[in-house]
């Protein structure tokens, strides 16, 4: 009689049999396997099923046709209302300073999103705020959406990144350089602060001021330290365009030059131009190599307000007789440098231009004289690449009409560069002195309206480079006694876009609104 198998014995038999079948199929003899009692002891725990964490996709903005992460989820720090230096509190502070009473909570609730295309046809998104009509009397600026954030997609990874909207990043999307004046850290009071405010905001181009009389106070003894520090700051700001302002300017020449005769002045000026341009080029080329920059542009303002100069008008035979050989020499040096360096890396482009004060509107002091110079140069087959229209607005009760600015900019398109293309037009040294609105409670709102109007018209007229003469009010030349005419000096000039406490004013957001007005 067959002995009855217990359940435990049955499992032993079937387990061994099943294992034997599998191992035999693999070519392993069951008899070669160790018995259960011969297996070495082990402390390895028996494996258990473990849940592998997976990343949760960030919710996207439902109001857009494209899948862009909701910044409130992906970047909550951008919506922090508890810190005064956060994005939304800073914006509401600018509104409050201009007499528009809103809280960060109110702004936060009304932010909208809109998709655009940049000048390369790449999509990007702007998060903006529009002031409700029942809060303020509508004006051209206050009727605009005011950008606060932008989202840009990485072309390779297709990932989206949200960041603060700035004049720099909106300008790049339009192919427009928004820049400012170099004031290197360590060279004076608050320079470190000014540098922080420029970073990623106003570094499309950087203007380097270089005055002959400061660099060569004693004949033959040259000090390049300050201009080198400015070039260093420009590279620290990661700009790709430096404007040298300027090679020759009115009476900003060394005192010792006044004792020279006409021939000596001409010779020394020619030598100065050649040495200056070559030194600047070599310095920038070395910085490009050092920092791995492959493409760069140097803009030289050849002459600035030269017709104000008593030295050149009296000793050099007048404005035209001096400007013609000066520009001719600059063209000669430019061509020589480019021919020598054409096969070298980095690729550095040199552009030559002319500048004058109050030339940004028809009837301005420098408007007609710039035209006269350009005609003279053209008649002598000397070609420049651009004009730099200096646009300090010193008196709020004598502001030129906006249509005169538009007309002035467009009037320069008839002049051609060496390639037969219209010369470029840039707006340089823009600021707006509001000292005469000191007691007006809406002074900052009016200032923002003017900033919006000016930026809007110059962008619409085709200007591709706009430079502010500083970024913070306490940096402004209107607040420096030794730099400005006495009648325009005031600590209430408040001419720029950040206040003394590093807070953006409403004119800063007016620039953003004007830029957004031209994206599609």
Protein backbone atom coordinates (compact mmCIF):
# COMPACT_ATOMS: atom_id res chain seq x y z
CA UNK A 1 0.00 0.00 0.00
CA UNK A 2 1.33 3.42 -1.09
CA UNK A 3 2.20 5.74 1.72
CA UNK A 4 0.15 8.92 1.64
CA UNK A 5 2.21 12.04 0.84
CA UNK A 6 1.88 14.98 3.10
CA UNK A 7 1.45 18.46 1.57
CA UNK A 8 5.03 19.39 2.61
CA UNK A 9 6.48 16.26 0.97
CA UNK A 10 4.50 16.95 -2.18
CA UNK A 11 5.91 20.44 -2.48
CA UNK A 12 9.45 19.15 -2.01
CA UNK A 13 9.04 16.63 -4.80
CA UNK A 14 7.36 18.96 -7.26
CA UNK A 15 9.84 21.74 -6.51
CA UNK A 16 12.85 19.55 -7.19
CA UNK A 17 11.25 18.09 -10.28
CA UNK A 18 10.42 21.50 -11.73
CA UNK A 19 13.89 22.81 -11.02
CA UNK A 20 15.40 19.71 -12.56
CA UNK A 21 13.44 20.21 -15.75
CA UNK A 22 14.53 23.81 -16.07
CA UNK A 23 18.18 23.13 -15.34
CA UNK A 24 18.26 20.14 -17.61
CA UNK A 25 16.96 22.30 -20.42
CA UNK A 26 19.89 24.61 -19.76
CA UNK A 27 22.38 21.76 -19.94
CA UNK A 28 23.01 21.49 -16.20
CA UNK A 29 22.96 18.10 -14.43
CA UNK A 30 20.76 18.07 -11.40
CA UNK A 31 23.10 15.65 -9.65
CA UNK A 32 25.83 18.34 -9.72
CA UNK A 33 23.78 20.78 -7.72
CA UNK A 34 24.49 21.11 -3.99
CA UNK A 35 21.88 19.91 -1.59
CA UNK A 36 19.92 22.35 0.44
CA UNK A 37 21.95 21.58 3.53
CA UNK A 38 25.23 22.35 1.72
CA UNK A 39 24.31 25.90 0.66
CA UNK A 40 26.56 28.49 2.32
CA UNK A 41 24.96 30.74 4.91
CA UNK A 42 24.05 34.23 3.74
CA UNK A 43 23.01 37.52 5.32
CA UNK A 44 21.59 38.92 2.07
CA UNK A 45 17.94 39.71 2.61
CA UNK A 46 15.33 38.23 0.36
CA UNK A 47 14.44 40.77 -2.37
CA UNK A 48 11.17 42.57 -2.06
CA UNK A 49 9.17 44.60 -4.57
CA UNK A 50 10.12 48.31 -4.37
CA UNK A 51 8.21 51.23 -5.95
CA UNK A 52 10.54 53.32 -8.14
CA UNK A 53 9.70 57.03 -7.79
CA UNK A 54 8.81 58.79 -11.02
CA UNK A 55 8.90 62.55 -11.61
CA UNK A 56 5.52 64.19 -11.74
CA UNK A 57 5.08 66.42 -14.79
CA UNK A 58 4.58 70.09 -13.96
CA UNK A 59 1.07 71.22 -14.92
CA UNK A 60 0.99 73.38 -18.03
CA UNK A 61 -0.83 76.65 -18.67
CA UNK A 62 -4.27 75.78 -19.96
CA UNK A 63 -4.82 79.14 -21.68
CA UNK A 64 -1.99 78.54 -24.18
CA UNK A 65 -2.00 76.37 -27.29
CA UNK A 66 1.54 75.19 -26.49
CA UNK A 67 2.60 73.14 -23.46
CA UNK A 68 4.42 75.56 -21.16
CA UNK A 69 4.89 74.80 -17.45
CA UNK A 70 2.79 76.81 -15.04
CA UNK A 71 5.38 79.12 -13.41
CA UNK A 72 3.45 79.17 -10.15
CA UNK A 73 4.34 75.48 -9.85
CA UNK A 74 7.73 75.34 -11.60
CA UNK A 75 9.07 78.65 -10.22
CA UNK A 76 7.13 79.61 -7.08
CA UNK A 77 9.94 81.98 -6.04
CA UNK A 78 8.88 84.31 -8.86
CA UNK A 79 5.52 84.74 -7.12
CA UNK A 80 6.88 85.33 -3.62
CA UNK A 81 4.90 88.24 -2.16
CA UNK A 82 6.61 88.25 1.24
CA UNK A 83 9.89 89.90 0.19
CA UNK A 84 10.08 93.52 -0.91
CA UNK A 85 12.80 92.77 -3.45
CA UNK A 86 10.78 90.03 -5.16
CA UNK A 87 9.38 90.58 -8.62
CA UNK A 88 5.72 91.38 -7.94
CA UNK A 89 6.31 93.54 -4.80
CA UNK A 90 8.89 95.57 -6.76
CA UNK A 91 6.40 96.12 -9.58
CA UNK A 92 3.64 97.22 -7.20
CA UNK A 93 6.12 99.52 -5.45
CA UNK A 94 6.79 101.22 -8.81
CA UNK A 95 3.05 101.61 -9.34
CA UNK A 96 2.58 103.04 -5.85
CA UNK A 97 5.42 105.55 -6.37
CA UNK A 98 3.60 106.72 -9.49
CA UNK A 99 0.33 107.18 -7.59
CA UNK A 100 -1.34 103.92 -8.65
CA UNK A 101 -2.48 102.13 -5.49
CA UNK A 102 -2.33 98.37 -5.91
CA UNK A 103 -1.18 95.55 -3.66
CA UNK A 104 1.02 92.60 -4.64
CA UNK A 105 -1.96 90.31 -3.99
CA UNK A 106 -4.10 92.25 -6.48
CA UNK A 107 -1.42 92.08 -9.17
CA UNK A 108 -0.79 88.40 -8.50
CA UNK A 109 -4.43 87.54 -9.16
CA UNK A 110 -4.55 89.22 -12.57
CA UNK A 111 -1.44 87.96 -14.36
CA UNK A 112 -2.15 86.70 -17.87
CA UNK A 113 -0.11 84.71 -20.37
CA UNK A 114 0.39 85.17 -24.10
CA UNK A 115 2.43 83.36 -26.75
CA UNK A 116 4.70 85.28 -29.18
CA UNK A 117 7.40 84.59 -31.77
CA UNK A 118 10.88 86.13 -31.66
CA UNK A 119 12.76 87.44 -34.70
CA UNK A 120 13.96 83.88 -35.40
CA UNK A 121 10.37 82.58 -35.38
CA UNK A 122 10.92 80.74 -32.08
CA UNK A 123 8.00 80.68 -29.65
CA UNK A 124 8.19 82.34 -26.26
CA UNK A 125 5.66 83.35 -23.63
CA UNK A 126 5.16 86.57 -21.68
CA UNK A 127 3.37 86.78 -18.35
CA UNK A 128 2.00 90.28 -18.10
CA UNK A 129 -0.31 92.51 -16.10
CA UNK A 130 -2.75 95.10 -17.35
CA UNK A 131 -4.04 97.81 -15.04
CA UNK A 132 -7.82 97.72 -14.82
CA UNK A 133 -9.60 100.70 -16.33
CA UNK A 134 -11.50 101.60 -13.16
CA UNK A 135 -8.26 102.18 -11.22
CA UNK A 136 -6.64 104.89 -13.33
CA UNK A 137 -7.36 107.24 -16.18
CA UNK A 138 -6.11 105.43 -19.27
CA UNK A 139 -3.17 106.78 -21.21
CA UNK A 140 -1.21 105.22 -24.08
CA UNK A 141 1.22 103.56 -21.70
CA UNK A 142 -1.28 102.52 -19.01
CA UNK A 143 -3.41 100.85 -21.67
CA UNK A 144 -0.59 98.38 -22.39
CA UNK A 145 0.09 94.93 -21.02
CA UNK A 146 3.17 95.26 -18.79
CA UNK A 147 5.56 92.28 -19.02
CA UNK A 148 6.74 90.69 -15.78
CA UNK A 149 8.01 87.23 -16.80
CA UNK A 150 9.16 85.47 -19.96
CA UNK A 151 9.40 81.77 -20.79
CA UNK A 152 11.92 80.65 -23.39
CA UNK A 153 12.32 77.18 -24.85
CA UNK A 154 15.74 75.54 -25.20
CA UNK A 155 16.06 74.66 -28.89
CA UNK A 156 17.95 71.41 -28.20
CA UNK A 157 16.28 70.01 -25.06
CA UNK A 158 12.86 71.58 -25.72
CA UNK A 159 12.67 72.50 -22.03
CA UNK A 160 11.02 75.75 -20.99
CA UNK A 161 12.60 78.20 -18.57
CA UNK A 162 10.83 81.05 -16.80
CA UNK A 163 12.70 84.22 -15.79
CA UNK A 164 12.11 87.87 -14.99
CA UNK A 165 11.27 89.99 -18.04
CA UNK A 166 14.09 92.48 -18.68
CA UNK A 167 14.89 95.06 -21.37
CA UNK A 168 17.77 92.83 -22.36
CA UNK A 169 15.90 89.56 -22.93
CA UNK A 170 12.92 91.22 -24.62
CA UNK A 171 15.26 93.31 -26.75
CA UNK A 172 17.15 90.24 -27.95
CA UNK A 173 13.89 88.65 -29.08
CA UNK A 174 13.37 91.66 -31.35
CA UNK A 175 16.98 91.88 -32.49
CA UNK A 176 17.40 95.13 -30.52
CA UNK A 177 20.34 95.89 -28.23
CA UNK A 178 19.39 97.70 -25.02
CA UNK A 179 22.53 98.97 -23.31
CA UNK A 180 24.01 101.47 -20.94
CA UNK A 181 27.13 103.30 -19.86
CA UNK A 182 30.11 101.52 -18.32
CA UNK A 183 30.94 102.57 -14.77
CA UNK A 184 33.29 99.84 -13.53
CA UNK A 185 33.05 98.47 -9.99
CA UNK A 186 35.70 99.89 -7.71
CA UNK A 187 36.05 103.16 -9.62
CA UNK A 188 33.76 105.29 -7.49
CA UNK A 189 30.85 105.50 -5.06
CA UNK A 190 28.09 102.92 -5.68
CA UNK A 191 29.79 101.46 -8.79
CA UNK A 192 29.24 97.92 -7.50
CA UNK A 193 25.53 98.67 -7.13
CA UNK A 194 25.27 100.06 -10.64
CA UNK A 195 27.01 96.97 -12.01
CA UNK A 196 24.47 94.67 -10.30
CA UNK A 197 21.58 96.63 -11.79
CA UNK A 198 22.99 96.35 -15.31
CA UNK A 199 23.53 92.60 -15.22
CA UNK A 200 21.11 90.76 -17.55
CA UNK A 201 19.07 93.97 -17.91
CA UNK A 202 21.10 96.52 -19.88
CA UNK A 203 24.04 94.65 -21.38
CA UNK A 204 22.99 94.41 -25.02
CA UNK A 205 25.72 96.95 -25.70
CA UNK A 206 28.03 98.84 -23.34
CA UNK A 207 29.30 102.37 -23.98
CA UNK A 208 32.89 102.96 -22.90
CA UNK A 209 33.75 106.61 -22.32
CA UNK A 210 37.29 107.47 -23.26
CA UNK A 211 38.38 111.11 -23.16
CA UNK A 212 41.76 112.01 -24.62
CA UNK A 213 42.47 114.72 -22.04
CA UNK A 214 42.09 112.25 -19.16
CA UNK A 215 44.16 109.53 -20.76
CA UNK A 216 47.09 111.72 -21.80
CA UNK A 217 47.24 114.63 -19.37
CA UNK A 218 50.94 114.97 -20.04
CA UNK A 219 52.14 114.72 -23.62
CA UNK A 220 53.47 111.25 -24.34
CA UNK A 221 52.43 109.83 -20.95
CA UNK A 222 49.37 107.64 -21.47
CA UNK A 223 47.19 106.01 -18.83
CA UNK A 224 44.97 103.21 -20.17
CA UNK A 225 43.85 102.00 -16.75
CA UNK A 226 40.32 103.43 -16.73
CA UNK A 227 39.39 102.37 -20.24
CA UNK A 228 40.76 98.90 -19.54
CA UNK A 229 38.58 98.64 -16.43
CA UNK A 230 35.56 99.67 -18.51
CA UNK A 231 36.30 97.03 -21.15
CA UNK A 232 36.69 94.51 -18.33
CA UNK A 233 33.28 95.42 -16.94
CA UNK A 234 31.71 95.15 -20.39
CA UNK A 235 32.99 91.59 -20.71
CA UNK A 236 31.88 90.80 -17.15
CA UNK A 237 28.41 91.90 -18.23
CA UNK A 238 28.68 89.44 -21.12
CA UNK A 239 27.98 91.99 -23.81
CA UNK A 240 28.95 91.39 -27.43
CA UNK A 241 29.07 95.07 -28.44
CA UNK A 242 31.27 97.85 -27.06
CA UNK A 243 30.88 101.43 -28.24
CA UNK A 244 33.91 103.67 -27.81
CA UNK A 245 32.62 107.11 -27.02
CA UNK A 246 34.69 108.74 -28.65
CA UNK A 247 37.91 109.24 -30.61
CA UNK A 248 37.69 113.06 -30.85
CA UNK A 249 35.19 115.31 -29.07
CA UNK A 250 34.74 119.09 -28.89
CA UNK A 251 37.20 120.50 -26.35
CA UNK A 252 37.77 117.21 -24.48
CA UNK A 253 41.42 117.22 -25.52
CA UNK A 254 44.60 117.57 -23.44
CA UNK A 255 45.49 121.10 -22.36
CA UNK A 256 48.96 120.75 -23.87
CA UNK A 257 47.40 120.38 -27.33
CA UNK A 258 46.27 124.02 -27.21
CA UNK A 259 49.88 125.18 -27.45
CA UNK A 260 50.43 123.38 -30.77
CA UNK A 261 50.19 124.91 -34.23
CA UNK A 262 47.82 123.72 -36.97
CA UNK A 263 50.22 121.21 -38.51
CA UNK A 264 51.15 119.75 -35.15
CA UNK A 265 47.49 119.38 -34.15
CA UNK A 266 46.70 117.52 -37.37
CA UNK A 267 49.70 115.18 -36.97
CA UNK A 268 49.04 114.48 -33.29
CA UNK A 269 45.35 113.84 -33.93
CA UNK A 270 46.12 111.35 -36.70
CA UNK A 271 48.62 109.54 -34.47
CA UNK A 272 46.12 109.53 -31.61
CA UNK A 273 43.41 107.91 -33.76
CA UNK A 274 45.71 105.19 -35.03
CA UNK A 275 47.16 104.35 -31.62
CA UNK A 276 43.79 104.50 -29.91
CA UNK A 277 41.93 102.26 -32.36
CA UNK A 278 44.69 99.66 -32.46
CA UNK A 279 45.07 99.56 -28.69
CA UNK A 280 41.31 99.11 -28.18
CA UNK A 281 41.15 96.40 -30.84
CA UNK A 282 44.05 94.42 -29.35
CA UNK A 283 42.68 94.73 -25.81
CA UNK A 284 39.25 93.47 -26.85
CA UNK A 285 40.75 90.68 -28.98
CA UNK A 286 42.75 89.44 -25.98
CA UNK A 287 39.63 89.52 -23.78
CA UNK A 288 37.70 87.54 -26.41
CA UNK A 289 40.39 84.85 -26.48
CA UNK A 290 40.65 84.80 -22.69
CA UNK A 291 36.89 84.40 -22.21
CA UNK A 292 36.15 82.17 -25.19
CA UNK A 293 34.14 84.79 -27.11
CA UNK A 294 34.06 84.03 -30.84
CA UNK A 295 32.16 87.03 -32.19
CA UNK A 296 32.31 90.67 -31.14
CA UNK A 297 31.60 94.18 -32.44
CA UNK A 298 33.52 97.40 -31.68
CA UNK A 299 31.80 100.67 -32.53
CA UNK A 300 33.98 103.77 -32.67
CA UNK A 301 32.30 107.18 -32.51
CA UNK A 302 34.90 109.05 -34.57
CA UNK A 303 33.86 112.60 -33.78
CA UNK A 304 31.39 113.98 -31.27
CA UNK A 305 30.13 117.57 -31.16
CA UNK A 306 33.29 118.69 -32.89
CA UNK A 307 31.67 121.94 -34.00
CA UNK A 308 31.63 123.06 -30.37
CA UNK A 309 35.40 123.02 -30.32
CA UNK A 310 37.21 126.35 -30.29
CA UNK A 311 40.53 124.54 -30.69
CA UNK A 312 39.65 122.70 -33.88
CA UNK A 313 37.59 125.49 -35.41
CA UNK A 314 40.26 128.14 -34.86
CA UNK A 315 43.49 126.21 -35.33
CA UNK A 316 42.53 123.34 -37.59
CA UNK A 317 40.84 125.52 -40.18
CA UNK A 318 37.23 124.94 -39.20
CA UNK A 319 34.92 122.02 -38.63
CA UNK A 320 34.90 120.43 -42.08
CA UNK A 321 38.62 120.81 -42.71
CA UNK A 322 39.28 118.96 -39.49
CA UNK A 323 36.54 116.31 -39.61
CA UNK A 324 37.30 115.15 -43.16
CA UNK A 325 40.92 113.96 -42.54
CA UNK A 326 39.94 112.67 -39.09
CA UNK A 327 37.25 110.39 -40.53
CA UNK A 328 39.50 109.45 -43.42
CA UNK A 329 42.18 108.31 -40.97
CA UNK A 330 39.69 106.25 -38.94
CA UNK A 331 38.51 104.46 -42.10
CA UNK A 332 42.13 103.80 -43.07
CA UNK A 333 42.97 102.30 -39.66
CA UNK A 334 39.80 100.20 -39.65
CA UNK A 335 40.59 98.71 -43.07
CA UNK A 336 44.21 98.05 -42.12
CA UNK A 337 43.23 96.20 -38.93
CA UNK A 338 40.59 94.09 -40.64
CA UNK A 339 42.93 93.17 -43.49
CA UNK A 340 45.63 92.11 -41.04
CA UNK A 341 43.26 90.10 -38.84
CA UNK A 342 40.76 88.73 -41.36
CA UNK A 343 41.96 85.11 -41.07
CA UNK A 344 42.30 85.22 -37.29
CA UNK A 345 39.90 84.21 -34.57
CA UNK A 346 37.90 85.69 -32.87
CA UNK A 347 35.71 87.36 -35.47
CA UNK A 348 35.72 91.05 -34.50
CA UNK A 349 33.71 93.52 -36.53
CA UNK A 350 34.60 97.24 -36.51
CA UNK A 351 31.99 99.92 -37.15
CA UNK A 352 32.55 103.68 -37.46
CA UNK A 353 30.02 106.39 -36.62
CA UNK A 354 29.35 110.03 -35.83
CA UNK A 355 27.52 111.47 -32.83
CA UNK A 356 26.07 114.75 -31.65
CA UNK A 357 23.89 116.08 -28.84
CA UNK A 358 20.20 116.77 -29.46
CA UNK A 359 20.32 115.15 -32.87
CA UNK A 360 17.41 112.79 -32.19
CA UNK A 361 14.70 115.20 -33.35
CA UNK A 362 14.17 117.57 -36.25
CA UNK A 363 15.29 121.03 -35.18
CA UNK A 364 17.66 119.74 -32.51
CA UNK A 365 21.06 121.32 -32.10
CA UNK A 366 22.96 118.49 -33.76
CA UNK A 367 20.36 117.29 -36.26
CA UNK A 368 21.22 119.58 -39.17
CA UNK A 369 24.94 119.46 -38.51
CA UNK A 370 25.03 115.66 -38.64
CA UNK A 371 23.34 115.84 -42.04
CA UNK A 372 25.93 118.37 -43.22
CA UNK A 373 28.78 116.12 -42.11
CA UNK A 374 27.32 113.05 -43.78
CA UNK A 375 26.87 114.91 -47.08
CA UNK A 376 30.47 116.15 -46.91
CA UNK A 377 31.81 112.64 -46.24
CA UNK A 378 29.68 111.13 -48.98
CA UNK A 379 30.93 113.71 -51.48
CA UNK A 380 34.47 112.64 -50.62
CA UNK A 381 33.73 108.90 -50.81
CA UNK A 382 34.17 108.40 -47.08
CA UNK A 383 31.57 106.11 -45.57
CA UNK A 384 30.53 105.50 -41.98
CA UNK A 385 28.34 102.71 -40.62
CA UNK A 386 25.99 104.52 -38.26
CA UNK A 387 24.98 107.72 -36.52
CA UNK A 388 24.60 107.83 -32.74
CA UNK A 389 21.85 110.28 -31.84
CA UNK A 390 22.49 111.55 -28.31
CA UNK A 391 19.14 112.06 -26.67
CA UNK A 392 19.45 113.65 -23.24
CA UNK A 393 16.07 115.21 -22.41
CA UNK A 394 16.97 117.94 -19.94
CA UNK A 395 13.82 120.04 -19.63
CA UNK A 396 10.37 118.45 -19.30
CA UNK A 397 8.76 121.71 -20.41
CA UNK A 398 10.69 121.72 -23.68
CA UNK A 399 10.36 118.14 -24.89
CA UNK A 400 10.32 117.63 -28.66
CA UNK A 401 7.17 116.20 -30.19
CA UNK A 402 7.33 112.46 -30.75
CA UNK A 403 6.69 112.80 -34.49
CA UNK A 404 9.84 114.97 -34.79
CA UNK A 405 11.88 112.09 -33.31
CA UNK A 406 10.35 109.68 -35.79
CA UNK A 407 11.06 112.03 -38.69
CA UNK A 408 14.66 112.61 -37.61
CA UNK A 409 15.48 108.90 -37.34
CA UNK A 410 14.01 108.10 -40.73
CA UNK A 411 15.81 111.03 -42.38
CA UNK A 412 19.20 109.30 -41.99
CA UNK A 413 18.19 106.25 -44.02
CA UNK A 414 19.17 108.02 -47.26
CA UNK A 415 22.86 107.78 -46.38
CA UNK A 416 24.65 104.58 -47.35
CA UNK A 417 27.58 102.65 -45.92
CA UNK A 418 30.41 101.22 -48.00
CA UNK A 419 28.23 98.24 -49.00
CA UNK A 420 25.50 100.52 -50.32
CA UNK A 421 23.10 99.76 -47.47
CA UNK A 422 21.41 102.43 -45.30
CA UNK A 423 23.56 103.41 -42.33
CA UNK A 424 22.37 102.34 -38.90
CA UNK A 425 20.76 104.72 -36.45
CA UNK A 426 21.17 104.28 -32.72
CA UNK A 427 19.81 106.26 -29.80
CA UNK A 428 22.63 107.00 -27.38
CA UNK A 429 22.75 108.53 -23.93
CA UNK A 430 18.99 108.61 -23.29
CA UNK A 431 17.67 109.93 -19.98
CA UNK A 432 14.87 112.23 -18.82
CA UNK A 433 15.50 114.90 -16.19
CA UNK A 434 12.28 115.47 -14.17
CA UNK A 435 13.60 118.07 -11.70
CA UNK A 436 10.92 120.54 -12.87
CA UNK A 437 8.22 118.03 -11.92
CA UNK A 438 9.59 117.84 -8.39
CA UNK A 439 6.31 118.86 -6.72
CA UNK A 440 4.03 116.97 -9.11
CA UNK A 441 2.55 113.87 -7.41
CA UNK A 442 2.39 112.20 -10.82
CA UNK A 443 6.01 112.93 -11.78
CA UNK A 444 6.98 109.27 -12.03
CA UNK A 445 3.88 108.40 -14.01
CA UNK A 446 4.59 111.24 -16.45
CA UNK A 447 8.19 110.10 -16.72
CA UNK A 448 7.05 106.57 -17.54
CA UNK A 449 4.68 107.91 -20.18
CA UNK A 450 7.56 109.75 -21.87
CA UNK A 451 9.90 106.75 -21.69
CA UNK A 452 7.19 104.60 -23.27
CA UNK A 453 6.53 107.13 -26.03
CA UNK A 454 10.22 107.58 -26.89
CA UNK A 455 11.08 103.87 -26.87
CA UNK A 456 7.94 103.04 -28.80
CA UNK A 457 8.66 105.53 -31.59
CA UNK A 458 12.36 104.73 -31.97
CA UNK A 459 11.71 100.98 -32.12
CA UNK A 460 8.94 101.56 -34.64
CA UNK A 461 11.34 103.70 -36.73
CA UNK A 462 13.76 100.78 -36.99
CA UNK A 463 16.40 101.64 -34.36
CA UNK A 464 18.33 98.50 -33.32
CA UNK A 465 20.47 99.91 -30.53
CA UNK A 466 19.30 102.05 -27.60
CA UNK A 467 21.57 103.15 -24.77
CA UNK A 468 20.67 104.69 -21.41
CA UNK A 469 23.16 107.10 -19.85
CA UNK A 470 23.32 105.05 -16.65
CA UNK A 471 20.70 102.96 -14.85
CA UNK A 472 20.16 104.43 -11.36
CA UNK A 473 19.13 107.97 -10.44
CA UNK A 474 22.16 108.55 -8.23
CA UNK A 475 24.39 107.50 -11.14
CA UNK A 476 22.91 110.16 -13.43
CA UNK A 477 25.16 112.98 -14.64
CA UNK A 478 22.30 115.35 -13.77
CA UNK A 479 23.10 114.62 -10.12
CA UNK A 480 26.86 115.21 -10.44
CA UNK A 481 27.80 118.90 -10.03
CA UNK A 482 31.06 118.57 -11.89
CA UNK A 483 29.51 116.95 -14.96
CA UNK A 484 26.40 118.94 -15.80
CA UNK A 485 25.45 122.53 -16.52
CA UNK A 486 24.32 124.23 -13.30
CA UNK A 487 20.80 124.89 -14.56
CA UNK A 488 20.17 121.14 -15.03
CA UNK A 489 21.80 119.93 -11.82
CA UNK A 490 19.45 118.60 -9.14
CA UNK A 491 19.29 115.68 -6.73
CA UNK A 492 15.66 115.49 -7.83
CA UNK A 493 16.54 114.98 -11.48
CA UNK A 494 15.63 111.28 -11.07
CA UNK A 495 16.40 110.76 -14.74
CA UNK A 496 16.88 107.00 -14.93
CA UNK A 497 15.04 103.72 -14.28
CA UNK A 498 16.13 102.64 -10.77
CA UNK A 499 15.80 104.81 -7.67
CA UNK A 500 18.56 105.40 -5.11
CA UNK A 501 17.50 102.23 -3.27
CA UNK A 502 17.91 99.96 -6.29
CA UNK A 503 14.15 99.69 -6.85
CA UNK A 504 12.84 99.80 -10.42
CA UNK A 505 10.66 102.80 -11.19
CA UNK A 506 7.66 102.79 -13.50
CA UNK A 507 9.76 104.00 -16.45
CA UNK A 508 11.63 100.67 -16.27
CA UNK A 509 8.34 98.86 -16.92
CA UNK A 510 7.48 101.41 -19.61
CA UNK A 511 10.53 100.19 -21.55
CA UNK A 512 9.30 96.60 -21.20
CA UNK A 513 5.84 97.58 -22.41
CA UNK A 514 7.26 99.38 -25.45
CA UNK A 515 9.35 96.33 -26.37
CA UNK A 516 6.39 93.97 -25.99
CA UNK A 517 4.38 96.28 -28.21
CA UNK A 518 6.59 95.24 -31.12
CA UNK A 519 6.63 91.45 -30.74
CA UNK A 520 4.12 89.38 -32.68
